[in-house]
Protein backbone atom coordinates (compact mmCIF):
# COMPACT_ATOMS: atom_id res chain seq x y z
CA UNK A 1 0.00 0.00 0.00
CA UNK A 2 2.79 2.43 0.91
CA UNK A 3 4.57 1.53 -2.32
CA UNK A 4 1.49 2.51 -4.38
CA UNK A 5 1.31 5.87 -2.58
CA UNK A 6 4.98 6.48 -3.26
CA UNK A 7 4.58 5.69 -6.99
CA UNK A 8 1.54 7.96 -7.24
CA UNK A 9 3.41 10.74 -5.41
CA UNK A 10 6.39 10.44 -7.79
CA UNK A 11 4.09 10.55 -10.82
CA UNK A 12 2.30 13.64 -9.46
CA UNK A 13 5.63 15.40 -8.85
CA UNK A 14 6.82 14.56 -12.39
CA UNK A 15 3.53 15.86 -13.84
CA UNK A 16 3.75 19.10 -11.83
CA UNK A 17 7.34 19.74 -12.88
CA UNK A 18 6.44 19.09 -16.53
CA UNK A 19 3.50 21.50 -16.36
CA UNK A 20 5.59 24.25 -14.77
CA UNK A 21 8.30 23.87 -17.44
CA UNK A 22 5.67 24.00 -20.19
CA UNK A 23 3.90 27.07 -18.80
CA UNK A 24 6.86 29.17 -17.70
CA UNK A 25 8.44 30.87 -20.71
CA UNK A 26 12.10 30.24 -21.36
CA UNK A 27 14.41 33.27 -21.30
CA UNK A 28 14.89 34.83 -24.71
CA UNK A 29 18.14 35.74 -26.43
CA UNK A 30 18.89 37.93 -29.41
CA UNK A 31 21.28 36.70 -32.10
CA UNK A 32 22.58 38.09 -35.37
CA UNK A 33 23.64 35.84 -38.22
CA UNK A 34 23.15 34.88 -41.86
CA UNK A 35 20.05 33.23 -43.29
CA UNK A 36 20.07 29.95 -45.23
CA UNK A 37 16.81 28.83 -46.85
CA UNK A 38 16.20 25.21 -47.78
CA UNK A 39 14.21 24.06 -50.80
CA UNK A 40 11.47 22.89 -48.41
CA UNK A 41 11.04 26.39 -46.95
CA UNK A 42 13.04 25.80 -43.76
CA UNK A 43 15.04 28.76 -42.47
CA UNK A 44 18.43 28.44 -40.78
CA UNK A 45 20.39 31.11 -38.93
CA UNK A 46 24.16 30.65 -39.21
CA UNK A 47 25.73 31.54 -35.85
CA UNK A 48 29.53 31.30 -35.55
CA UNK A 49 29.67 28.87 -38.47
CA UNK A 50 26.87 26.64 -37.11
CA UNK A 51 23.43 26.38 -38.76
CA UNK A 52 20.48 26.73 -36.36
CA UNK A 53 17.06 25.74 -37.68
CA UNK A 54 14.44 28.38 -36.83
CA UNK A 55 10.96 27.21 -35.86
CA UNK A 56 8.47 30.03 -36.38
CA UNK A 57 6.71 31.24 -33.23
CA UNK A 58 6.23 34.85 -34.39
CA UNK A 59 2.53 34.63 -35.15
CA UNK A 60 3.24 35.49 -38.80
CA UNK A 61 3.08 32.34 -40.94
CA UNK A 62 5.09 34.00 -43.73
CA UNK A 63 7.82 35.61 -41.62
CA UNK A 64 10.58 33.89 -43.64
CA UNK A 65 8.84 34.47 -47.01
CA UNK A 66 10.76 37.61 -48.04
CA UNK A 67 14.19 36.36 -46.97
CA UNK A 68 17.00 35.11 -49.20
CA UNK A 69 20.03 32.97 -48.46
CA UNK A 70 22.82 35.22 -47.22
CA UNK A 71 20.58 37.91 -45.71
CA UNK A 72 21.73 39.20 -42.33
CA UNK A 73 19.10 38.63 -39.62
CA UNK A 74 18.41 39.61 -36.04
CA UNK A 75 16.38 36.89 -34.30
CA UNK A 76 14.85 36.84 -30.84
CA UNK A 77 14.76 33.18 -29.77
CA UNK A 78 14.72 30.83 -26.81
CA UNK A 79 17.41 28.28 -25.95
CA UNK A 80 19.27 26.48 -28.74
CA UNK A 81 18.88 22.71 -28.76
CA UNK A 82 22.20 21.09 -29.58
CA UNK A 83 21.32 18.67 -32.37
CA UNK A 84 22.53 18.81 -35.94
CA UNK A 85 21.33 21.04 -37.19
CA UNK A 86 20.78 22.91 -33.95
CA UNK A 87 17.21 24.17 -33.42
CA UNK A 88 15.44 27.03 -31.67
CA UNK A 89 12.06 28.76 -31.59
CA UNK A 90 12.08 32.20 -33.23
CA UNK A 91 9.76 34.79 -31.64
CA UNK A 92 10.91 37.78 -33.69
CA UNK A 93 12.86 37.96 -36.95
CA UNK A 94 14.14 41.08 -38.69
CA UNK A 95 16.27 41.34 -41.82
CA UNK A 96 18.99 43.89 -41.09
CA UNK A 97 20.97 43.47 -44.31
CA UNK A 98 21.06 41.73 -47.64
CA UNK A 99 23.56 39.16 -48.75
CA UNK A 100 24.16 36.21 -51.01
CA UNK A 101 25.46 32.66 -51.11
CA UNK A 102 29.03 33.96 -50.90
CA UNK A 103 28.30 35.14 -47.34
CA UNK A 104 27.66 31.58 -46.08
CA UNK A 105 30.68 29.44 -45.12
CA UNK A 106 31.11 26.53 -47.54
CA UNK A 107 31.30 23.94 -44.72
CA UNK A 108 27.81 25.00 -43.57
CA UNK A 109 26.38 24.54 -47.06
CA UNK A 110 28.17 21.19 -47.45
CA UNK A 111 26.88 19.91 -44.09
CA UNK A 112 23.28 20.86 -44.81
CA UNK A 113 23.51 19.37 -48.31
CA UNK A 114 24.89 16.07 -47.01
CA UNK A 115 21.96 15.77 -44.60
CA UNK A 116 19.44 16.49 -47.36
CA UNK A 117 18.35 19.92 -46.12
CA UNK A 118 19.69 21.58 -49.27
CA UNK A 119 19.68 20.24 -52.81
CA UNK A 120 22.93 19.74 -54.65
C-alpha atoms as a PDB file:
ATOM      1  CA  UNK A   1       0.000   0.000   0.000  1.00  0.00           C
ATOM      2  CA  UNK A   2       2.791   2.434   0.906  1.00  0.00           C
ATOM      3  CA  UNK A   3       4.572   1.534  -2.325  1.00  0.00           C
ATOM      4  CA  UNK A   4       1.486   2.510  -4.378  1.00  0.00           C
ATOM      5  CA  UNK A   5       1.307   5.871  -2.584  1.00  0.00           C
ATOM      6  CA  UNK A   6       4.984   6.483  -3.261  1.00  0.00           C
ATOM      7  CA  UNK A   7       4.584   5.689  -6.990  1.00  0.00           C
ATOM      8  CA  UNK A   8       1.535   7.964  -7.238  1.00  0.00           C
ATOM      9  CA  UNK A   9       3.405  10.741  -5.409  1.00  0.00           C
ATOM     10  CA  UNK A  10       6.388  10.436  -7.790  1.00  0.00           C
ATOM     11  CA  UNK A  11       4.087  10.555 -10.824  1.00  0.00           C
ATOM     12  CA  UNK A  12       2.299  13.640  -9.460  1.00  0.00           C
ATOM     13  CA  UNK A  13       5.635  15.402  -8.853  1.00  0.00           C
ATOM     14  CA  UNK A  14       6.816  14.560 -12.394  1.00  0.00           C
ATOM     15  CA  UNK A  15       3.531  15.856 -13.843  1.00  0.00           C
ATOM     16  CA  UNK A  16       3.754  19.099 -11.829  1.00  0.00           C
ATOM     17  CA  UNK A  17       7.344  19.744 -12.878  1.00  0.00           C
ATOM     18  CA  UNK A  18       6.438  19.090 -16.526  1.00  0.00           C
ATOM     19  CA  UNK A  19       3.498  21.501 -16.356  1.00  0.00           C
ATOM     20  CA  UNK A  20       5.589  24.252 -14.769  1.00  0.00           C
ATOM     21  CA  UNK A  21       8.295  23.867 -17.438  1.00  0.00           C
ATOM     22  CA  UNK A  22       5.669  24.002 -20.191  1.00  0.00           C
ATOM     23  CA  UNK A  23       3.896  27.069 -18.802  1.00  0.00           C
ATOM     24  CA  UNK A  24       6.860  29.173 -17.697  1.00  0.00           C
ATOM     25  CA  UNK A  25       8.438  30.872 -20.711  1.00  0.00           C
ATOM     26  CA  UNK A  26      12.103  30.236 -21.361  1.00  0.00           C
ATOM     27  CA  UNK A  27      14.411  33.274 -21.295  1.00  0.00           C
ATOM     28  CA  UNK A  28      14.885  34.832 -24.713  1.00  0.00           C
ATOM     29  CA  UNK A  29      18.145  35.743 -26.431  1.00  0.00           C
ATOM     30  CA  UNK A  30      18.894  37.928 -29.406  1.00  0.00           C
ATOM     31  CA  UNK A  31      21.285  36.704 -32.100  1.00  0.00           C
ATOM     32  CA  UNK A  32      22.580  38.091 -35.372  1.00  0.00           C
ATOM     33  CA  UNK A  33      23.640  35.836 -38.224  1.00  0.00           C
ATOM     34  CA  UNK A  34      23.148  34.879 -41.856  1.00  0.00           C
ATOM     35  CA  UNK A  35      20.048  33.227 -43.290  1.00  0.00           C
ATOM     36  CA  UNK A  36      20.068  29.947 -45.233  1.00  0.00           C
ATOM     37  CA  UNK A  37      16.805  28.831 -46.845  1.00  0.00           C
ATOM     38  CA  UNK A  38      16.198  25.209 -47.784  1.00  0.00           C
ATOM     39  CA  UNK A  39      14.207  24.056 -50.797  1.00  0.00           C
ATOM     40  CA  UNK A  40      11.471  22.891 -48.409  1.00  0.00           C
ATOM     41  CA  UNK A  41      11.040  26.390 -46.948  1.00  0.00           C
ATOM     42  CA  UNK A  42      13.040  25.795 -43.755  1.00  0.00           C
ATOM     43  CA  UNK A  43      15.037  28.756 -42.467  1.00  0.00           C
ATOM     44  CA  UNK A  44      18.432  28.441 -40.783  1.00  0.00           C
ATOM     45  CA  UNK A  45      20.390  31.110 -38.934  1.00  0.00           C
ATOM     46  CA  UNK A  46      24.162  30.651 -39.207  1.00  0.00           C
ATOM     47  CA  UNK A  47      25.735  31.540 -35.852  1.00  0.00           C
ATOM     48  CA  UNK A  48      29.529  31.297 -35.552  1.00  0.00           C
ATOM     49  CA  UNK A  49      29.671  28.872 -38.468  1.00  0.00           C
ATOM     50  CA  UNK A  50      26.869  26.643 -37.109  1.00  0.00           C
ATOM     51  CA  UNK A  51      23.430  26.382 -38.762  1.00  0.00           C
ATOM     52  CA  UNK A  52      20.482  26.728 -36.357  1.00  0.00           C
ATOM     53  CA  UNK A  53      17.061  25.741 -37.675  1.00  0.00           C
ATOM     54  CA  UNK A  54      14.443  28.384 -36.834  1.00  0.00           C
ATOM     55  CA  UNK A  55      10.960  27.208 -35.857  1.00  0.00           C
ATOM     56  CA  UNK A  56       8.473  30.032 -36.381  1.00  0.00           C
ATOM     57  CA  UNK A  57       6.713  31.244 -33.226  1.00  0.00           C
ATOM     58  CA  UNK A  58       6.231  34.850 -34.386  1.00  0.00           C
ATOM     59  CA  UNK A  59       2.525  34.629 -35.149  1.00  0.00           C
ATOM     60  CA  UNK A  60       3.244  35.491 -38.799  1.00  0.00           C
ATOM     61  CA  UNK A  61       3.082  32.336 -40.942  1.00  0.00           C
ATOM     62  CA  UNK A  62       5.086  34.000 -43.733  1.00  0.00           C
ATOM     63  CA  UNK A  63       7.824  35.612 -41.616  1.00  0.00           C
ATOM     64  CA  UNK A  64      10.576  33.888 -43.643  1.00  0.00           C
ATOM     65  CA  UNK A  65       8.840  34.472 -47.007  1.00  0.00           C
ATOM     66  CA  UNK A  66      10.757  37.614 -48.044  1.00  0.00           C
ATOM     67  CA  UNK A  67      14.189  36.358 -46.970  1.00  0.00           C
ATOM     68  CA  UNK A  68      16.996  35.107 -49.204  1.00  0.00           C
ATOM     69  CA  UNK A  69      20.028  32.973 -48.462  1.00  0.00           C
ATOM     70  CA  UNK A  70      22.816  35.224 -47.219  1.00  0.00           C
ATOM     71  CA  UNK A  71      20.577  37.907 -45.710  1.00  0.00           C
ATOM     72  CA  UNK A  72      21.729  39.204 -42.328  1.00  0.00           C
ATOM     73  CA  UNK A  73      19.099  38.626 -39.620  1.00  0.00           C
ATOM     74  CA  UNK A  74      18.406  39.614 -36.043  1.00  0.00           C
ATOM     75  CA  UNK A  75      16.381  36.889 -34.304  1.00  0.00           C
ATOM     76  CA  UNK A  76      14.852  36.841 -30.836  1.00  0.00           C
ATOM     77  CA  UNK A  77      14.760  33.182 -29.774  1.00  0.00           C
ATOM     78  CA  UNK A  78      14.722  30.835 -26.815  1.00  0.00           C
ATOM     79  CA  UNK A  79      17.413  28.275 -25.950  1.00  0.00           C
ATOM     80  CA  UNK A  80      19.271  26.480 -28.736  1.00  0.00           C
ATOM     81  CA  UNK A  81      18.878  22.710 -28.762  1.00  0.00           C
ATOM     82  CA  UNK A  82      22.200  21.092 -29.582  1.00  0.00           C
ATOM     83  CA  UNK A  83      21.323  18.675 -32.368  1.00  0.00           C
ATOM     84  CA  UNK A  84      22.534  18.809 -35.936  1.00  0.00           C
ATOM     85  CA  UNK A  85      21.333  21.040 -37.190  1.00  0.00           C
ATOM     86  CA  UNK A  86      20.776  22.914 -33.951  1.00  0.00           C
ATOM     87  CA  UNK A  87      17.208  24.170 -33.422  1.00  0.00           C
ATOM     88  CA  UNK A  88      15.436  27.026 -31.667  1.00  0.00           C
ATOM     89  CA  UNK A  89      12.056  28.757 -31.588  1.00  0.00           C
ATOM     90  CA  UNK A  90      12.081  32.197 -33.225  1.00  0.00           C
ATOM     91  CA  UNK A  91       9.758  34.786 -31.637  1.00  0.00           C
ATOM     92  CA  UNK A  92      10.912  37.780 -33.685  1.00  0.00           C
ATOM     93  CA  UNK A  93      12.858  37.959 -36.948  1.00  0.00           C
ATOM     94  CA  UNK A  94      14.139  41.084 -38.690  1.00  0.00           C
ATOM     95  CA  UNK A  95      16.273  41.342 -41.823  1.00  0.00           C
ATOM     96  CA  UNK A  96      18.989  43.887 -41.093  1.00  0.00           C
ATOM     97  CA  UNK A  97      20.971  43.471 -44.305  1.00  0.00           C
ATOM     98  CA  UNK A  98      21.058  41.735 -47.639  1.00  0.00           C
ATOM     99  CA  UNK A  99      23.560  39.157 -48.749  1.00  0.00           C
ATOM    100  CA  UNK A 100      24.162  36.210 -51.009  1.00  0.00           C
ATOM    101  CA  UNK A 101      25.456  32.655 -51.114  1.00  0.00           C
ATOM    102  CA  UNK A 102      29.032  33.956 -50.899  1.00  0.00           C
ATOM    103  CA  UNK A 103      28.299  35.136 -47.341  1.00  0.00           C
ATOM    104  CA  UNK A 104      27.660  31.580 -46.079  1.00  0.00           C
ATOM    105  CA  UNK A 105      30.685  29.435 -45.119  1.00  0.00           C
ATOM    106  CA  UNK A 106      31.114  26.527 -47.542  1.00  0.00           C
ATOM    107  CA  UNK A 107      31.297  23.941 -44.724  1.00  0.00           C
ATOM    108  CA  UNK A 108      27.814  25.001 -43.574  1.00  0.00           C
ATOM    109  CA  UNK A 109      26.381  24.541 -47.059  1.00  0.00           C
ATOM    110  CA  UNK A 110      28.170  21.190 -47.452  1.00  0.00           C
ATOM    111  CA  UNK A 111      26.881  19.907 -44.087  1.00  0.00           C
ATOM    112  CA  UNK A 112      23.279  20.864 -44.810  1.00  0.00           C
ATOM    113  CA  UNK A 113      23.513  19.373 -48.310  1.00  0.00           C
ATOM    114  CA  UNK A 114      24.891  16.075 -47.009  1.00  0.00           C
ATOM    115  CA  UNK A 115      21.963  15.768 -44.605  1.00  0.00           C
ATOM    116  CA  UNK A 116      19.436  16.495 -47.360  1.00  0.00           C
ATOM    117  CA  UNK A 117      18.345  19.924 -46.119  1.00  0.00           C
ATOM    118  CA  UNK A 118      19.688  21.578 -49.269  1.00  0.00           C
ATOM    119  CA  UNK A 119      19.681  20.244 -52.813  1.00  0.00           C
ATOM    120  CA  UNK A 120      22.935  19.736 -54.648  1.00  0.00           C
END
